[in-house]
Protein backbone atom coordinates (compact mmCIF):
# COMPACT_ATOMS: atom_id res chain seq x y z
CA MET A 1 -12.30 -16.22 13.69
CA SER A 2 -12.89 -19.53 11.97
CA TYR A 3 -12.22 -20.06 8.29
CA SER A 4 -15.36 -22.02 7.59
CA PRO A 5 -16.62 -22.69 4.06
CA TYR A 6 -19.58 -20.43 4.91
CA LEU A 7 -17.67 -17.32 6.03
CA LEU A 8 -17.84 -15.66 2.58
CA LYS A 9 -20.70 -17.73 1.18
CA GLY A 10 -22.45 -16.06 -1.76
CA GLN A 11 -19.71 -13.47 -2.27
CA LYS A 12 -17.89 -12.87 -5.54
CA ALA A 13 -14.17 -12.05 -5.45
CA LEU A 14 -11.55 -10.92 -7.93
CA VAL A 15 -7.87 -11.44 -7.12
CA THR A 16 -5.38 -9.82 -9.47
CA GLY A 17 -2.00 -11.41 -10.01
CA ALA A 18 -3.40 -14.65 -8.63
CA SER A 19 -1.48 -17.29 -10.59
CA SER A 20 1.32 -17.70 -8.03
CA GLY A 21 2.67 -16.61 -4.67
CA ILE A 22 0.57 -14.40 -2.42
CA GLY A 23 -2.20 -13.96 -4.99
CA GLU A 24 -2.60 -17.70 -5.45
CA ALA A 25 -2.82 -18.27 -1.69
CA ILE A 26 -5.42 -15.54 -1.33
CA ALA A 27 -7.53 -16.92 -4.19
CA ARG A 28 -7.43 -20.40 -2.66
CA TYR A 29 -8.28 -19.16 0.85
CA LEU A 30 -11.15 -17.00 -0.38
CA ALA A 31 -12.54 -19.99 -2.29
CA SER A 32 -12.18 -22.29 0.73
CA SER A 33 -14.13 -19.67 2.72
CA GLY A 34 -17.05 -19.85 0.29
CA ALA A 35 -16.36 -17.09 -2.24
CA ALA A 36 -16.56 -17.52 -6.01
CA VAL A 37 -13.22 -16.31 -7.37
CA VAL A 38 -11.86 -14.76 -10.56
CA VAL A 39 -8.20 -15.76 -10.85
CA ASN A 40 -6.55 -12.95 -12.80
CA TYR A 41 -3.20 -13.61 -14.44
CA HIS A 42 -0.90 -11.89 -16.89
CA SER A 43 1.29 -14.65 -18.33
CA GLU A 44 1.02 -17.80 -16.19
CA GLY A 45 -2.09 -19.24 -17.79
CA GLU A 46 -1.42 -22.89 -17.00
CA SER A 47 -0.90 -22.13 -13.33
CA ALA A 48 -4.08 -20.06 -13.18
CA GLU A 49 -6.10 -22.84 -14.79
CA LYS A 50 -4.67 -25.35 -12.30
CA ILE A 51 -5.84 -23.15 -9.43
CA VAL A 52 -9.30 -22.94 -10.99
CA ASP A 53 -9.41 -26.72 -11.45
CA ASP A 54 -8.45 -27.25 -7.81
CA ILE A 55 -11.15 -24.84 -6.60
CA LYS A 56 -13.78 -26.55 -8.74
CA ALA A 57 -12.64 -29.98 -7.54
CA ALA A 58 -13.37 -28.77 -4.01
CA LYS A 59 -16.92 -27.79 -5.14
CA GLY A 60 -16.07 -24.11 -5.43
CA GLU A 61 -16.65 -21.61 -8.24
CA ALA A 62 -13.84 -19.97 -10.20
CA PHE A 63 -12.58 -18.97 -13.59
CA ALA A 64 -9.31 -17.56 -14.87
CA PHE A 65 -8.96 -14.33 -16.84
CA GLN A 66 -5.89 -12.91 -18.53
CA ALA A 67 -5.47 -9.15 -18.21
CA ASP A 68 -2.72 -6.59 -17.79
CA VAL A 69 -4.11 -4.46 -14.97
CA SER A 70 -2.19 -1.40 -16.17
CA LYS A 71 -4.34 -1.37 -19.35
CA GLU A 72 -7.73 0.28 -18.93
CA ASP A 73 -9.43 -1.65 -21.74
CA GLN A 74 -8.24 -4.99 -20.36
CA VAL A 75 -9.40 -4.14 -16.84
CA LYS A 76 -12.84 -3.16 -18.13
CA ALA A 77 -13.06 -6.38 -20.16
CA MET A 78 -12.17 -8.41 -17.06
CA PHE A 79 -14.88 -6.80 -14.96
CA SER A 80 -17.39 -7.20 -17.78
CA LYS A 81 -16.63 -10.92 -17.93
CA MET A 82 -16.91 -11.21 -14.15
CA PHE A 83 -20.32 -9.54 -14.15
CA GLN A 84 -21.41 -11.81 -17.00
CA GLU A 85 -20.32 -14.94 -15.11
CA PHE A 86 -20.98 -14.01 -11.47
CA GLY A 87 -23.40 -11.09 -11.73
CA THR A 88 -21.50 -8.72 -9.45
CA ILE A 89 -18.42 -8.27 -7.26
CA ASP A 90 -18.19 -8.15 -3.48
CA ILE A 91 -14.43 -8.43 -2.86
CA LEU A 92 -11.52 -7.00 -4.83
CA VAL A 93 -7.98 -7.97 -3.89
CA ASN A 94 -5.56 -5.65 -5.71
CA ASN A 95 -2.56 -7.96 -5.59
CA ALA A 96 -0.83 -7.75 -8.99
CA GLY A 97 2.67 -6.32 -8.70
CA LEU A 98 6.21 -6.58 -9.96
CA GLN A 99 9.75 -5.34 -9.39
CA LYS A 100 12.24 -3.97 -11.92
CA ASP A 101 15.19 -3.10 -9.73
CA SER A 102 18.00 -0.73 -10.58
CA PRO A 103 20.18 1.96 -9.01
CA LEU A 104 18.54 5.36 -9.45
CA VAL A 105 21.07 6.68 -11.98
CA ASP A 106 20.71 3.56 -14.15
CA MET A 107 16.93 3.19 -13.92
CA SER A 108 15.22 3.66 -17.26
CA LEU A 109 11.91 5.43 -17.71
CA ASP A 110 10.50 2.12 -18.98
CA GLN A 111 11.48 0.42 -15.69
CA TRP A 112 9.86 3.23 -13.73
CA ASN A 113 6.67 3.27 -15.80
CA ALA A 114 6.27 -0.53 -15.81
CA VAL A 115 6.32 -0.76 -12.01
CA ILE A 116 4.14 2.30 -11.41
CA GLY A 117 1.76 1.09 -14.11
CA ILE A 118 1.14 -2.35 -12.62
CA ASN A 119 1.61 -1.64 -8.91
CA LEU A 120 -0.21 1.69 -8.61
CA THR A 121 -2.21 2.54 -11.74
CA GLY A 122 -3.46 -1.05 -11.93
CA GLN A 123 -4.83 -0.81 -8.41
CA PHE A 124 -6.55 2.47 -9.24
CA LEU A 125 -8.19 1.06 -12.38
CA CYS A 126 -9.48 -2.05 -10.62
CA ALA A 127 -10.65 -0.13 -7.54
CA ARG A 128 -12.54 2.30 -9.74
CA GLU A 129 -14.42 -0.43 -11.59
CA ALA A 130 -15.23 -2.31 -8.38
CA ALA A 131 -16.43 0.87 -6.66
CA LYS A 132 -18.81 1.63 -9.54
CA GLU A 133 -20.48 -1.74 -9.03
CA PHE A 134 -20.57 -1.44 -5.24
CA LEU A 135 -22.26 1.96 -5.51
CA ARG A 136 -24.71 0.74 -8.14
CA ARG A 137 -25.76 -2.35 -6.17
CA GLY A 138 -25.50 -1.15 -2.59
CA VAL A 139 -25.63 -3.37 0.47
CA LYS A 140 -27.20 -6.81 0.33
CA PRO A 141 -27.56 -7.69 4.03
CA ASP A 142 -27.98 -11.41 3.36
CA ILE A 143 -24.53 -11.42 1.69
CA SER A 144 -22.51 -8.89 3.72
CA CYS A 145 -23.05 -5.84 5.91
CA ALA A 146 -20.74 -3.94 3.53
CA ALA A 147 -21.56 -2.90 -0.02
CA GLY A 148 -18.09 -4.05 -1.00
CA LYS A 149 -14.53 -4.61 0.16
CA ILE A 150 -11.31 -3.52 -1.53
CA ILE A 151 -8.01 -4.91 -0.27
CA CYS A 152 -4.86 -3.30 -1.63
CA MET A 153 -1.57 -5.18 -1.50
CA SER A 154 1.11 -2.83 -0.25
CA SER A 155 4.45 -3.61 1.39
CA VAL A 156 6.59 -2.68 4.36
CA HIS A 157 8.27 -0.44 1.80
CA GLU A 158 5.37 1.98 1.96
CA VAL A 159 7.20 3.21 5.07
CA ILE A 160 10.73 1.73 4.83
CA PRO A 161 12.91 3.36 2.14
CA TRP A 162 14.55 0.86 -0.21
CA ALA A 163 17.66 2.00 -2.07
CA GLY A 164 17.95 0.44 -5.50
CA HIS A 165 14.19 -0.08 -5.68
CA VAL A 166 12.91 3.49 -5.94
CA ASN A 167 10.14 2.62 -8.41
CA TYR A 168 8.82 -0.20 -6.21
CA ALA A 169 8.99 1.80 -2.97
CA ALA A 170 7.35 4.81 -4.63
CA SER A 171 4.53 2.62 -5.91
CA LYS A 172 3.88 1.20 -2.46
CA GLY A 173 4.02 4.62 -0.80
CA GLY A 174 1.50 5.75 -3.40
CA ILE A 175 -0.77 2.81 -2.61
CA ASN A 176 -0.91 3.90 1.03
CA MET A 177 -2.28 7.36 0.28
CA MET A 178 -4.44 6.16 -2.61
CA MET A 179 -6.05 3.53 -0.38
CA ARG A 180 -6.67 5.96 2.46
CA SER A 181 -8.15 8.59 0.14
CA ILE A 182 -10.46 6.03 -1.50
CA ALA A 183 -11.44 4.70 1.93
CA GLN A 184 -12.33 8.21 3.12
CA GLU A 185 -14.47 8.77 0.02
CA LEU A 186 -16.28 5.44 0.02
CA ALA A 187 -16.76 4.68 3.74
CA PRO A 188 -20.07 6.63 3.91
CA HIS A 189 -21.39 4.21 1.27
CA LYS A 190 -20.50 1.19 3.45
CA ILE A 191 -17.58 0.29 1.20
CA ARG A 192 -14.48 -0.75 3.13
CA VAL A 193 -10.99 -0.15 1.71
CA ASN A 194 -7.86 -1.39 3.47
CA SER A 195 -4.33 -2.59 2.74
CA ILE A 196 -2.10 -5.47 3.68
CA ALA A 197 1.63 -4.70 3.90
CA PRO A 198 3.68 -7.90 3.79
CA GLY A 199 7.24 -8.07 4.99
CA ALA A 200 9.56 -10.85 3.86
CA ILE A 201 7.35 -13.62 2.46
CA LYS A 202 8.47 -16.82 0.78
CA THR A 203 7.34 -16.34 -2.82
CA PRO A 204 8.92 -17.12 -6.20
CA ILE A 205 9.67 -13.42 -6.84
CA ASN A 206 12.47 -13.10 -4.27
CA THR A 207 13.84 -16.51 -3.31
CA SER A 208 17.42 -15.19 -3.29
CA ALA A 209 16.71 -13.56 0.08
CA TRP A 210 16.65 -16.95 1.83
CA ASP A 211 17.97 -19.52 -0.67
CA THR A 212 21.09 -20.14 1.44
CA PRO A 213 21.47 -20.39 5.23
CA GLU A 214 23.71 -17.31 5.13
CA ALA A 215 21.15 -15.25 3.20
CA GLU A 216 18.32 -16.29 5.50
CA ALA A 217 20.38 -15.51 8.61
CA LYS A 218 21.06 -12.02 7.28
CA LEU A 219 17.38 -11.50 6.50
CA LEU A 220 16.29 -12.68 9.94
CA GLN A 221 18.32 -9.85 11.48
CA LEU A 222 15.58 -7.58 10.13
CA ILE A 223 12.69 -9.65 11.54
CA PRO A 224 12.07 -9.69 15.32
CA ALA A 225 9.82 -12.76 14.95
CA LYS A 226 12.86 -14.65 13.58
CA ARG A 227 11.05 -16.36 10.73
CA VAL A 228 10.32 -15.58 7.12
CA GLY A 229 6.61 -15.32 6.43
CA ASP A 230 4.54 -17.75 4.38
CA VAL A 231 1.92 -16.83 1.79
CA GLU A 232 -0.71 -18.27 4.13
CA ASP A 233 0.08 -15.50 6.63
CA ILE A 234 -1.09 -12.96 4.06
CA ALA A 235 -4.04 -15.03 2.83
CA LYS A 236 -5.47 -15.32 6.34
CA ALA A 237 -5.31 -11.54 6.79
CA ALA A 238 -7.04 -11.07 3.43
CA VAL A 239 -9.91 -13.39 4.37
CA TRP A 240 -10.39 -11.48 7.63
CA LEU A 241 -10.44 -8.11 5.84
CA ALA A 242 -12.93 -9.52 3.31
CA SER A 243 -15.25 -10.79 6.04
CA ASP A 244 -17.79 -9.00 8.19
CA ASP A 245 -15.56 -9.71 11.21
CA SER A 246 -13.55 -6.62 10.19
CA ASP A 247 -16.55 -4.40 9.48
CA TYR A 248 -15.24 -1.46 11.59
CA VAL A 249 -11.82 -1.46 9.88
CA ASN A 250 -11.57 1.34 7.32
CA GLY A 251 -8.50 2.89 5.71
CA ALA A 252 -6.08 0.73 7.69
CA THR A 253 -2.83 -0.90 6.65
CA ILE A 254 -2.33 -4.27 8.31
CA PHE A 255 1.40 -4.96 8.52
CA VAL A 256 2.03 -8.70 8.29
CA ASP A 257 5.79 -8.58 8.65
CA GLY A 258 6.97 -10.38 11.78
CA GLY A 259 7.83 -6.97 13.22
CA MET A 260 10.10 -5.75 10.39
CA THR A 261 8.65 -2.24 10.71
CA LEU A 262 9.77 -2.17 14.36
CA TYR A 263 13.30 -1.40 13.09
CA PRO A 264 15.02 -4.17 15.11
CA GLY A 265 18.45 -2.66 14.42
CA PHE A 266 17.66 -0.17 17.14
CA ALA A 267 16.87 -2.84 19.77
CA GLY A 268 19.11 -2.58 22.82
CA ASN A 269 20.51 0.82 21.83
CA GLY A 270 18.37 2.84 24.18
C-alpha cells in the first residue's frame, strides 16, 4: 500500500499517549496520510504542541489535549472537545501506557493499579466513547467502508511472560481478550477492532535495553530479525489498520516484533 496524503483523507483520529515514542510516530503518520489528529498527552505538553505545530506546518489538522485516560471524566471531556472541533471520530489509537516495574513480592498496590488503570482501563474507557460515536453515526461510504476503527496497543508480553513486570504483562494480556471481545461485539456494525503488539522498539521508555553494544547484543539474541525496531515500524502498521486496505481484518493482533514471539532460543534444538 502507498502512504499517500489521501489515504485517510477526511478521517478524524485520536491517538492517546501521543507526545513521544510510538504514539508520536503514529500521530505523525496518520496526519501525513490525511487524517485530522487529536494528540493526547498526560504531562509532556510542550512536546505535544510541537507535534501539532509540525502537522499544521505541513497543512494538516491537529490539536493537543491533556487527559489521564484512566480517569473517566477526563476521557469524556477529551471526546467532547474532539467532537466540538472535528465533529466526529473515525480512528482511535489506544496507545497510552506505562511501566512501574517491581518483583512480585515488592510490588505495591499503587504500582499495580497505576499500570492497570492506564494500560487497560484507559483503553476500555476510550474504546467505549469511540464506539458510542461510531454506532450513532454509522458508515459514511465517502469517508471509509467502516463505521470506525479502534487500534489497541498491546505488546509481545500479551503472550510472553515477563518476570518482574507482572502488572505490565497482565495489562497486555487483558488487552488481548478485551480487544477480541469488543471486536466480536462490534464487527456486525462494521466497526473494526484490532491490536498491534510491538516487540523491542527504540523509544525513550526503555533505552537501557540497547544503550550499550553489550546490552544491544544481548537483546538481539531474542530477535530473529537481528535488529531493534523503530517507531516507524509500528506507525506503518497503524496506518494500514486504520485504512480500508485492512477492511477484512477483525479481532487480530499484528505482532511487529522482528520474530521475538518465535522464541529464537529454541532454534536449532530440534
